[in-house]
Amino acid sequence: MNDFKFLEHDILHSIKQLHSRSVKIINNENRKGNK
């Protein structure tokens, strides 16, 4: 049970990292489009 909790936390952390990375990429693309 504890292993699953740890795995779940790990997955959530990875998703958050991926999300913030894609947000940065999207923001950069928007900046290019605005110029």
N, C-alpha and C. Protein backbone atom coordinates (compact mmCIF):
# COMPACT_ATOMS: atom_id res chain seq x y z
N MET A 1 0.84 -1.20 0.00
CA MET A 1 0.00 0.00 0.00
C MET A 1 0.88 1.26 0.00
N ASN A 2 1.89 1.26 0.84
CA ASN A 2 2.77 2.43 0.89
C ASN A 2 3.51 2.63 -0.43
N ASP A 3 3.89 1.51 -1.06
CA ASP A 3 4.57 1.62 -2.35
C ASP A 3 3.68 2.33 -3.37
N PHE A 4 2.40 1.99 -3.35
CA PHE A 4 1.48 2.62 -4.29
C PHE A 4 1.37 4.12 -4.03
N LYS A 5 1.29 4.49 -2.76
CA LYS A 5 1.20 5.91 -2.41
C LYS A 5 2.42 6.65 -2.94
N PHE A 6 3.59 6.05 -2.75
CA PHE A 6 4.82 6.68 -3.21
C PHE A 6 4.81 6.80 -4.74
N LEU A 7 4.37 5.73 -5.40
CA LEU A 7 4.32 5.75 -6.86
C LEU A 7 3.36 6.83 -7.35
N GLU A 8 2.22 6.92 -6.68
CA GLU A 8 1.22 7.93 -7.06
C GLU A 8 1.81 9.32 -6.92
N HIS A 9 2.52 9.58 -5.84
CA HIS A 9 3.15 10.88 -5.62
C HIS A 9 4.17 11.17 -6.71
N ASP A 10 4.95 10.15 -7.07
CA ASP A 10 5.97 10.28 -8.10
C ASP A 10 5.34 10.65 -9.44
N ILE A 11 4.23 9.98 -9.76
CA ILE A 11 3.54 10.24 -11.02
C ILE A 11 2.99 11.67 -11.04
N LEU A 12 2.37 12.08 -9.95
CA LEU A 12 1.82 13.43 -9.87
C LEU A 12 2.94 14.46 -10.05
N HIS A 13 4.08 14.22 -9.43
CA HIS A 13 5.21 15.13 -9.54
C HIS A 13 5.67 15.23 -10.99
N SER A 14 5.75 14.09 -11.68
CA SER A 14 6.17 14.08 -13.08
C SER A 14 5.18 14.85 -13.95
N ILE A 15 3.91 14.66 -13.68
CA ILE A 15 2.87 15.36 -14.45
C ILE A 15 2.99 16.87 -14.25
N LYS A 16 3.23 17.28 -13.01
CA LYS A 16 3.37 18.73 -12.75
C LYS A 16 4.57 19.29 -13.51
N GLN A 17 5.69 18.55 -13.51
CA GLN A 17 6.88 19.01 -14.23
C GLN A 17 6.59 19.13 -15.71
N LEU A 18 5.95 18.10 -16.28
CA LEU A 18 5.61 18.12 -17.69
C LEU A 18 4.70 19.29 -18.00
N HIS A 19 3.72 19.52 -17.14
CA HIS A 19 2.76 20.60 -17.36
C HIS A 19 3.46 21.95 -17.38
N SER A 20 4.32 22.22 -16.39
CA SER A 20 4.99 23.52 -16.35
C SER A 20 5.92 23.69 -17.54
N ARG A 21 6.52 22.57 -17.99
CA ARG A 21 7.40 22.65 -19.16
C ARG A 21 6.60 23.01 -20.41
N SER A 22 5.44 22.37 -20.59
CA SER A 22 4.63 22.65 -21.78
C SER A 22 4.05 24.06 -21.71
N VAL A 23 3.75 24.54 -20.51
CA VAL A 23 3.26 25.91 -20.36
C VAL A 23 4.34 26.89 -20.81
N LYS A 24 5.59 26.63 -20.43
CA LYS A 24 6.70 27.50 -20.85
C LYS A 24 6.82 27.50 -22.36
N ILE A 25 6.73 26.32 -22.97
CA ILE A 25 6.84 26.22 -24.43
C ILE A 25 5.71 27.00 -25.10
N ILE A 26 4.49 26.83 -24.59
CA ILE A 26 3.34 27.54 -25.16
C ILE A 26 3.53 29.05 -25.02
N ASN A 27 4.01 29.50 -23.87
CA ASN A 27 4.23 30.93 -23.67
C ASN A 27 5.28 31.46 -24.64
N ASN A 28 6.33 30.69 -24.87
CA ASN A 28 7.36 31.11 -25.82
C ASN A 28 6.79 31.22 -27.22
N GLU A 29 5.97 30.26 -27.61
CA GLU A 29 5.34 30.28 -28.94
C GLU A 29 4.44 31.50 -29.07
N ASN A 30 3.70 31.81 -28.01
CA ASN A 30 2.80 32.97 -28.05
C ASN A 30 3.60 34.26 -28.19
N ARG A 31 4.75 34.33 -27.52
CA ARG A 31 5.59 35.51 -27.60
C ARG A 31 6.10 35.70 -29.02
N LYS A 32 6.51 34.59 -29.65
CA LYS A 32 6.99 34.66 -31.04
C LYS A 32 5.87 35.16 -31.94
N GLY A 33 4.65 34.65 -31.69
CA GLY A 33 3.51 35.04 -32.52
C GLY A 33 3.15 36.51 -32.36
N ASN A 34 3.38 37.07 -31.19
CA ASN A 34 3.02 38.46 -30.93
C ASN A 34 3.95 39.44 -31.62
N LYS A 35 5.19 39.02 -31.84
CA LYS A 35 6.17 39.96 -32.42
C LYS A 35 5.94 40.18 -33.92
